[in-house]
Amino acid sequence: MQEKSDEQLMAAVMAGDQVALAALVTRHHAPLLGYLYRLGGDRQLAEDLVQETLLHVLRQGTYQAARPFKPWLYMIATNLARDYFKSAAVRQRWRSGDAEEALLHLSDSEPSPEEHALAAEQGSEVRAALAQLRDEYRVVLVLRFYQGFSLQEIAETLHIPLGTVKSRLSVGVHRLRSVLAPVPKGVD
């Protein structure tokens, strides 16, 4: 039996099917959690935003069957996260986040403690570097490289032209590289 698409499941949810709702939540909870964690660096906040996103999906009834579901879902999550981070105090607290927090997803083959430590350190460095980028670049980078979105899906999610996505991705990668590997003094 073929697995139902997100769009088919959402149509069933809109008709009141609780099994379809459970399938959508099961399918998207972990990826949404990872996305929101990478945006904010706080697991509890990410959990809260996932719950708000899913509640918004249920309550709003704004889904249009002609649109792909996944970009619509991530648009809601992105907008909720942006609303949360508008406060300067919240943004500052987030940027000074907890560097010791473990990574969300471990591989099936259990790495050695040394590999865990190295991955956590690199993850912390990347998270700190991402935190230094403007939101417009950080969101595109996280959607592309952590969530695996196509450029078109990113454009649909953020309601921006494809060319803007490409530009933000290029600039974001360049700025992320410069933050992660700063040029030593005296070298041009």
Protein backbone atom coordinates (compact mmCIF):
# COMPACT_ATOMS: atom_id res chain seq x y z
CA MET A 1 0.00 0.00 0.00
CA GLN A 2 1.39 3.39 -1.00
CA GLU A 3 1.95 5.98 1.70
CA LYS A 4 -0.33 9.02 1.45
CA SER A 5 1.20 12.34 0.51
CA ASP A 6 1.20 15.27 2.92
CA GLU A 7 -1.40 16.95 0.76
CA GLN A 8 -3.70 13.91 0.91
CA LEU A 9 -3.27 13.68 4.67
CA MET A 10 -4.00 17.38 5.13
CA ALA A 11 -7.18 17.06 3.05
CA ALA A 12 -8.25 14.22 5.36
CA VAL A 13 -7.36 16.31 8.44
CA MET A 14 -9.53 19.14 7.14
CA ALA A 15 -12.37 16.60 6.86
CA GLY A 16 -11.87 15.66 10.54
CA ASP A 17 -9.72 12.52 10.19
CA GLN A 18 -7.74 12.12 13.43
CA VAL A 19 -5.66 9.22 12.04
CA ALA A 20 -4.45 11.48 9.23
CA LEU A 21 -3.59 14.15 11.80
CA ALA A 22 -1.54 11.65 13.80
CA ALA A 23 0.28 10.60 10.62
CA LEU A 24 1.13 14.22 9.76
CA VAL A 25 2.35 14.93 13.28
CA THR A 26 4.45 11.75 13.31
CA ARG A 27 5.94 12.59 9.92
CA HIS A 28 6.79 16.23 10.63
CA HIS A 29 7.41 16.58 14.39
CA ALA A 30 11.09 15.59 14.42
CA PRO A 31 12.09 17.54 11.27
CA LEU A 32 10.25 20.65 12.52
CA LEU A 33 11.88 20.29 15.92
CA GLY A 34 15.32 20.07 14.32
CA TYR A 35 14.63 23.09 12.13
CA LEU A 36 13.37 25.27 14.97
CA TYR A 37 16.18 24.12 17.25
CA ARG A 38 18.74 25.15 14.65
CA LEU A 39 17.08 28.53 14.29
CA GLY A 40 16.91 29.19 18.02
CA GLY A 41 19.42 26.93 19.77
CA ASP A 42 16.98 26.12 22.58
CA ARG A 43 15.33 22.69 22.64
CA GLN A 44 12.45 23.69 24.93
CA LEU A 45 11.70 26.73 22.81
CA ALA A 46 11.81 24.56 19.69
CA GLU A 47 9.33 22.11 21.30
CA ASP A 48 7.02 25.00 22.16
CA LEU A 49 7.22 26.42 18.65
CA VAL A 50 6.51 22.99 17.11
CA GLN A 51 3.39 22.72 19.26
CA GLU A 52 2.31 26.24 18.30
CA THR A 53 2.92 25.45 14.63
CA LEU A 54 0.82 22.29 14.76
CA LEU A 55 -1.96 24.07 16.64
CA HIS A 56 -1.87 26.86 14.07
CA VAL A 57 -2.23 24.28 11.29
CA LEU A 58 -5.32 22.84 12.99
CA ARG A 59 -6.99 26.08 14.00
CA GLN A 60 -6.39 28.35 11.07
CA GLY A 61 -7.81 26.28 8.26
CA THR A 62 -5.86 28.40 5.76
CA TYR A 63 -4.31 25.50 3.87
CA GLN A 64 -5.06 25.56 0.15
CA ALA A 65 -5.02 22.11 -1.41
CA ALA A 66 -3.41 23.46 -4.59
CA ARG A 67 -0.27 24.43 -2.62
CA PRO A 68 2.40 21.97 -1.45
CA PHE A 69 1.97 21.20 2.25
CA LYS A 70 5.59 21.16 3.44
CA PRO A 71 6.53 24.73 2.41
CA TRP A 72 3.26 25.97 3.95
CA LEU A 73 4.01 24.17 7.22
CA TYR A 74 7.55 25.57 7.40
CA MET A 75 6.29 29.05 6.52
CA ILE A 76 4.07 28.90 9.61
CA ALA A 77 6.95 27.65 11.78
CA THR A 78 9.31 30.31 10.40
CA ASN A 79 6.81 33.10 11.01
CA LEU A 80 6.14 31.94 14.57
CA ALA A 81 9.89 31.80 15.26
CA ARG A 82 10.39 35.27 13.77
CA ASP A 83 7.60 36.66 15.93
CA TYR A 84 9.23 35.17 19.00
CA PHE A 85 12.69 36.57 18.19
CA LYS A 86 11.51 40.12 17.51
CA SER A 87 12.25 41.08 21.09
CA ALA A 88 15.87 42.26 21.47
CA ALA A 89 16.13 40.72 24.94
CA VAL A 90 15.02 37.34 23.66
CA ARG A 91 17.38 37.58 20.70
CA GLN A 92 20.32 38.37 22.99
CA ARG A 93 19.49 35.49 25.33
CA TRP A 94 19.31 33.13 22.36
CA ARG A 95 22.60 34.27 20.83
CA SER A 96 24.44 33.62 24.09
CA GLY A 97 22.83 30.12 24.13
CA ASP A 98 23.93 27.03 25.95
CA ALA A 99 26.95 25.68 24.06
CA GLU A 100 26.94 22.40 25.98
CA GLU A 101 23.53 21.22 24.79
CA ALA A 102 23.78 17.88 23.00
CA LEU A 103 22.93 17.43 19.35
CA LEU A 104 19.33 16.48 18.61
CA HIS A 105 19.84 13.60 16.24
CA LEU A 106 22.40 10.86 16.74
CA SER A 107 23.11 8.35 14.02
CA ASP A 108 21.99 4.73 14.31
CA SER A 109 25.55 3.47 14.74
CA GLU A 110 26.67 4.85 18.08
CA PRO A 111 29.81 6.99 17.68
CA SER A 112 32.63 6.93 20.17
CA PRO A 113 32.70 9.47 23.02
CA GLU A 114 35.46 11.34 21.16
CA GLU A 115 33.28 11.57 18.05
CA HIS A 116 30.39 12.80 20.20
CA ALA A 117 32.59 15.50 21.70
CA LEU A 118 33.94 16.60 18.31
CA ALA A 119 30.45 16.67 16.75
CA ALA A 120 29.07 18.64 19.70
CA GLU A 121 31.93 21.14 19.47
CA GLN A 122 31.52 21.55 15.71
CA GLY A 123 27.74 21.80 16.12
CA SER A 124 28.20 24.50 18.73
CA GLU A 125 30.59 26.40 16.47
CA VAL A 126 28.21 26.23 13.52
CA ARG A 127 25.23 27.19 15.70
CA ALA A 128 27.18 30.16 17.08
CA ALA A 129 28.22 31.16 13.56
CA LEU A 130 24.63 30.87 12.31
CA ALA A 131 23.50 33.05 15.22
CA GLN A 132 25.75 35.83 13.95
CA LEU A 133 24.02 35.90 10.56
CA ARG A 134 21.00 38.02 9.78
CA ASP A 135 17.71 36.11 9.90
CA GLU A 136 17.22 36.28 6.14
CA TYR A 137 20.43 34.28 5.56
CA ARG A 138 20.14 31.95 8.57
CA VAL A 139 16.62 30.77 7.65
CA VAL A 140 17.61 29.99 4.05
CA LEU A 141 20.75 28.10 5.16
CA VAL A 142 18.88 26.02 7.73
CA LEU A 143 16.06 25.17 5.31
CA ARG A 144 18.52 24.17 2.60
CA PHE A 145 21.27 22.34 4.46
CA TYR A 146 19.57 21.01 7.58
CA GLN A 147 16.03 20.43 6.32
CA GLY A 148 16.95 19.47 2.75
CA PHE A 149 14.51 21.85 1.07
CA SER A 150 14.87 22.50 -2.64
CA LEU A 151 15.43 26.09 -3.71
CA GLN A 152 11.86 26.20 -5.03
CA GLU A 153 10.47 24.93 -1.70
CA ILE A 154 12.42 27.64 0.14
CA ALA A 155 10.99 30.27 -2.21
CA GLU A 156 7.46 28.98 -1.58
CA THR A 157 8.01 28.75 2.18
CA LEU A 158 9.33 32.29 2.53
CA HIS A 159 7.19 33.84 -0.23
CA ILE A 160 10.22 35.24 -2.02
CA PRO A 161 11.43 34.91 -5.64
CA LEU A 162 13.73 32.01 -6.53
CA GLY A 163 16.49 34.47 -7.47
CA THR A 164 16.33 35.96 -3.98
CA VAL A 165 16.69 32.49 -2.46
CA LYS A 166 19.79 31.85 -4.58
CA SER A 167 21.27 35.20 -3.64
CA ARG A 168 20.61 34.76 0.08
CA LEU A 169 22.02 31.24 -0.04
CA SER A 170 25.19 32.41 -1.76
CA VAL A 171 25.69 35.39 0.55
CA GLY A 172 24.77 33.31 3.61
CA VAL A 173 27.30 30.58 2.77
CA HIS A 174 29.99 33.20 2.14
CA ARG A 175 29.27 34.97 5.44
CA LEU A 176 29.07 31.70 7.36
CA ARG A 177 32.47 30.67 5.98
CA SER A 178 33.97 34.00 6.97
CA VAL A 179 32.61 33.65 10.51
CA LEU A 180 33.84 30.05 10.85
CA ALA A 181 37.28 30.69 9.33
CA PRO A 182 38.17 34.34 9.87
CA VAL A 183 41.06 35.70 7.84
CA PRO A 184 44.16 36.14 10.05
CA LYS A 185 45.36 39.70 10.59
CA GLY A 186 47.76 40.88 7.94
CA VAL A 187 46.38 38.50 5.29
CA ASP A 188 44.20 39.91 2.51
